[in-house]
Protein backbone atom coordinates (compact mmCIF):
# COMPACT_ATOMS: atom_id res chain seq x y z
CA MET A 1 -1.72 15.27 -24.36
CA ALA A 2 -2.58 11.85 -21.98
CA ASP A 3 1.40 11.87 -22.14
CA ILE A 4 2.47 14.49 -19.96
CA THR A 5 -0.66 14.53 -18.30
CA ILE A 6 0.73 10.91 -16.53
CA ILE A 7 4.69 12.35 -16.23
CA LEU A 8 2.92 15.85 -14.23
CA GLU A 9 1.14 12.70 -12.03
CA GLU A 10 4.44 11.10 -11.66
CA THR A 11 6.49 13.95 -10.71
CA ASN A 12 4.60 15.08 -7.71
CA ARG A 13 4.04 11.34 -6.83
CA LEU A 14 7.59 10.86 -6.68
CA LEU A 15 7.77 15.33 -4.59
CA ARG A 16 5.40 13.94 -2.36
CA ALA A 17 6.39 10.97 -1.08
CA ILE A 18 10.14 12.74 -1.64
CA GLU A 19 8.48 16.14 0.94
CA SER A 20 6.96 13.01 3.84
CA THR A 21 10.68 11.94 4.71
CA ASN A 22 12.68 13.23 7.46
CA ASP A 23 15.69 12.75 6.00
CA THR A 24 17.68 15.59 4.59
CA LEU A 25 18.70 15.43 0.48
CA SER A 26 21.77 17.12 -1.06
CA GLU A 27 21.23 20.20 -1.55
CA LYS A 28 21.84 19.19 -5.83
CA SER A 29 18.85 17.20 -5.17
CA THR A 30 16.71 20.09 -2.97
CA THR A 31 17.33 22.35 -5.54
CA LEU A 32 17.03 19.65 -8.90
CA PHE A 33 13.17 19.54 -7.20
CA LYS A 34 12.68 22.63 -5.92
CA GLU A 35 12.43 23.62 -10.10
CA LEU A 36 10.83 20.50 -11.23
CA GLU A 37 7.94 22.06 -8.09
CA ASP A 38 8.01 25.13 -10.75
CA LYS A 39 7.93 23.58 -13.89
CA ILE A 40 4.95 21.83 -13.20
CA SER A 41 3.29 24.20 -11.42
CA GLU A 42 3.27 26.32 -14.92
CA ALA A 43 2.53 22.91 -16.63
CA LYS A 44 -0.75 22.30 -15.13
CA GLU A 45 -1.50 26.36 -15.55
CA ASN A 46 -1.07 26.15 -19.26
CA ILE A 47 -0.39 22.59 -20.24
CA ASP A 48 -0.67 22.94 -24.08
CA SER A 49 1.74 25.63 -24.47
CA LEU A 50 4.30 26.12 -21.80
CA ILE A 51 5.71 23.32 -21.45
CA SER A 52 6.88 20.20 -23.77
CA SER A 53 6.34 16.49 -22.58
CA ASN A 54 10.20 15.37 -23.83
CA ASP A 55 11.77 17.97 -21.92
CA LEU A 56 9.22 17.51 -18.44
CA LYS A 57 9.81 13.83 -18.83
CA ALA A 58 13.68 13.93 -18.99
CA ASP A 59 13.75 16.50 -15.74
CA VAL A 60 11.05 13.03 -14.53
CA ASP A 61 13.82 10.61 -14.94
CA MET A 62 17.22 12.56 -14.16
CA LEU A 63 15.03 12.73 -10.75
CA LYS A 64 14.07 9.04 -10.47
CA LYS A 65 17.98 9.05 -10.67
CA THR A 66 18.48 10.91 -8.19
CA LEU A 67 15.86 9.09 -5.75
CA HIS A 68 17.91 5.94 -6.67
CA ASP A 69 21.32 6.80 -5.33
CA TYR A 70 19.79 8.43 -2.84
CA ILE A 71 18.13 4.80 -1.52
CA HIS A 72 20.88 2.86 -2.48
CA ARG A 73 23.45 4.65 -0.52
CA ASN A 74 21.50 3.80 2.68
CA ASP A 75 23.47 0.05 2.02
CA ILE A 76 20.21 -1.47 0.74
CA GLU A 77 19.10 -2.70 -2.40
CA PHE A 78 15.30 -3.15 -3.33
CA MET A 79 13.74 -5.68 -6.27
CA LEU A 80 10.12 -5.01 -7.30
CA ILE A 81 8.37 -8.44 -7.96
CA LYS A 82 5.33 -8.70 -9.85
CA ASN A 83 3.90 -11.82 -10.35
CA GLY A 84 6.40 -14.20 -9.49
CA LYS A 85 6.07 -17.20 -6.96
CA ARG A 86 3.14 -17.32 -4.78
CA ILE A 87 3.82 -16.63 -1.08
CA ARG A 88 1.92 -17.34 2.01
CA TYR A 89 4.19 -18.28 4.83
CA LYS A 90 6.85 -17.13 6.81
CA ASP A 91 8.59 -20.66 4.93
CA ASP A 92 7.77 -19.68 2.03
CA VAL A 93 10.73 -19.16 -0.29
CA VAL A 94 10.18 -15.99 -2.84
CA ASP A 95 10.42 -15.66 -6.42
CA LYS A 96 13.90 -17.79 -7.60
CA LYS A 97 14.22 -14.87 -9.95
CA ALA A 98 14.96 -12.92 -6.03
CA ILE A 99 17.21 -15.36 -4.97
CA ASP A 100 18.86 -16.14 -8.30
CA GLU A 101 20.34 -12.69 -7.16
CA GLY A 102 21.01 -12.28 -3.73
CA PHE A 103 17.24 -11.14 -2.77
CA ASP A 104 14.72 -11.85 0.33
CA LEU A 105 11.80 -10.99 0.95
CA PHE A 106 11.53 -6.85 2.42
CA CYS A 107 11.58 -7.15 6.39
CA PRO A 108 11.65 -3.55 7.46
CA HIS A 109 13.95 -3.54 10.76
CA ASN A 110 12.52 -0.09 11.61
CA ARG A 111 10.29 3.85 10.09
CA GLU A 112 13.19 4.76 8.13
CA GLU A 113 13.90 1.72 5.87
CA PHE A 114 9.74 1.71 5.95
CA GLU A 115 10.23 4.96 4.18
CA LEU A 116 12.85 4.40 1.64
CA ALA A 117 10.83 1.28 0.16
CA ARG A 118 8.51 3.30 -0.33
CA LEU A 119 10.45 6.09 -2.25
CA TYR A 120 11.67 3.32 -4.11
CA LEU A 121 7.87 2.04 -5.23
CA LEU A 122 7.38 5.38 -5.75
CA SER A 123 10.06 5.44 -8.26
CA LEU A 124 9.25 2.91 -10.22
CA GLY A 125 5.39 4.30 -10.18
CA GLU A 126 3.73 1.49 -7.65
CA THR A 127 2.44 2.78 -4.14
CA LYS A 128 0.24 -1.07 -3.86
CA SER A 129 3.27 -3.57 -4.47
CA MET A 130 5.03 -3.77 -0.85
CA GLY A 131 4.01 -7.11 -0.28
CA PRO A 132 3.74 -9.25 3.95
CA LEU A 133 6.28 -7.10 5.01
CA GLY A 134 7.41 -10.62 6.38
CA ILE A 135 4.79 -9.81 9.53
CA TYR A 136 3.64 -13.11 11.22
CA LYS A 137 3.18 -14.69 14.06
CA PRO A 138 5.03 -18.07 15.18
CA THR A 139 0.98 -19.54 17.12
CA ASN A 140 -2.63 -19.40 16.54
CA ARG A 141 -5.27 -16.72 17.35
CA GLY A 142 -4.51 -14.23 19.92
CA ASN A 143 -5.86 -10.58 19.42
CA SER A 144 -4.29 -7.54 18.62
CA LYS A 145 -7.04 -4.77 17.93
CA TYR A 146 -6.18 -1.68 17.97
CA LYS A 147 -2.46 -1.42 17.51
CA PRO A 148 0.31 -0.51 16.54
CA LEU A 149 1.74 -2.68 13.07
CA ASN A 150 5.57 -2.70 13.92
CA SER A 151 7.50 -4.42 17.20
CA GLU A 152 6.52 -1.74 19.49
CA GLY A 153 2.50 -2.34 19.19
CA MET A 154 1.74 -6.29 18.01
CA GLY A 155 5.29 -7.02 18.85
CA LYS A 156 4.50 -7.48 22.71
CA ASP A 157 1.72 -10.12 21.39
CA GLY A 158 4.58 -12.72 19.48
CA TRP A 159 3.99 -10.50 16.20
CA THR A 160 7.85 -11.10 14.67
CA VAL A 161 9.00 -10.61 11.42
CA ARG A 162 10.50 -13.54 8.95
CA ASP A 163 14.53 -12.83 9.26
CA GLY A 164 13.70 -12.44 12.82
CA TRP A 165 15.83 -8.81 13.14
CA PRO A 166 14.19 -7.53 16.60
CA THR A 167 13.02 -4.76 15.80
CA TRP A 168 10.45 -3.71 12.62
CA TRP A 169 8.32 -0.63 11.51
CA GLY A 170 5.07 -1.38 9.04
CA SER A 171 2.88 1.77 11.10
CA ASP A 172 2.23 3.65 14.11
CA ARG A 173 -1.50 3.30 13.21
CA THR A 174 -4.08 2.65 16.28
CA ASN A 175 -7.80 2.51 14.07
CA VAL A 176 -7.09 -0.71 12.90
CA SER A 177 -9.47 -3.94 14.41
CA GLU A 178 -6.82 -6.25 13.37
CA PRO A 179 -5.84 -8.75 13.95
CA ASN A 180 -9.06 -9.53 16.20
CA GLY A 181 -7.62 -13.30 16.21
CA ASP A 182 -8.67 -15.51 13.67
CA TYR A 183 -5.26 -16.39 12.60
CA ILE A 184 -3.50 -19.48 11.35
CA ALA A 185 0.48 -19.65 13.10
CA ASN A 186 3.08 -18.29 10.29
CA ALA A 187 0.93 -17.16 7.81
CA TYR A 188 1.27 -13.79 6.55
CA LEU A 189 -0.84 -10.74 7.22
CA GLY A 190 -3.60 -10.10 4.19
CA ILE A 191 -1.65 -5.80 4.01
CA SER A 192 -3.32 -3.35 1.88
CA TYR A 193 -1.55 0.18 0.65
CA ASP A 194 -2.46 3.62 0.22
CA ASN A 195 -2.14 5.74 -3.11
CA ASP A 196 1.64 6.84 -1.04
CA GLY A 197 2.70 3.90 -0.22
CA TYR A 198 1.05 4.07 3.68
CA ILE A 199 -0.35 0.42 5.40
CA ARG A 200 -4.31 1.10 5.18
CA TRP A 201 -5.57 -1.81 6.71
CA TYR A 202 -4.54 -5.37 7.66
CA ASN A 203 -5.52 -8.74 8.71
CA ASP A 204 -5.69 -11.91 9.48
CA ALA A 205 -8.36 -13.90 8.39
CA ASN A 206 -7.62 -17.70 8.60
CA SER A 207 -4.69 -17.18 6.34
CA VAL A 208 -6.22 -16.74 3.12
CA TYR A 209 -3.61 -13.88 2.19
CA SER A 210 -1.42 -14.76 -0.52
CA TYR A 211 1.27 -12.70 -3.03
CA THR A 212 2.49 -12.80 -6.06
CA THR A 213 3.69 -8.86 -5.61
CA TYR A 214 5.70 -8.29 -2.97
CA LEU A 215 9.46 -5.93 -2.93
CA CYS A 216 12.61 -8.17 -1.86
CA VAL A 217 15.99 -6.77 -0.75
CA LYS A 218 19.57 -7.28 -0.44
CA ARG A 219 21.40 -6.19 2.38
CA LYS A 220 24.86 -4.86 1.86
């Protein structure tokens, strides 16, 4: 029972992630997701007898492969670093494993890239591991409360991303009372995520935030 419950939760999370994207999936993928939804509904009604965990696990594995192919056809590849080299400032080098394979810290250039990264992490069963997104400011202090965490919001106050790309996106939220100005130049924000992989909160707080788990990217 425990195994199938975990599989059902994992599949629901993947389906929810897919449904939240604006991109159009292939007909094959859409059909697969619909079949999985139907199976999940059946299994929830009578989890003991209607479906075997092995059958559903095979479908989940197929879903993960489809999701992986969907993400990487966008000419972007991700690598999750867990318990790796600690990073705190924009010039900190990421974990050697990422460097050796040509990856660097993920900086989302737009909302679509953020969504692809979120889908990738959800396909791994991760929801809160995207990391600092390379967001920093090259000067001390500065109040950017209640401004969206993107280049059109906080970007106008000097916040930018590690790879220097002119546009970037983390969130459209306007109800976060940070950064409130207790900031030390070049430090990454402290970012927390909700159970769907979206940004829940962020804080500047005197460079106290560091990361050993974070997402890296290789652009093709």
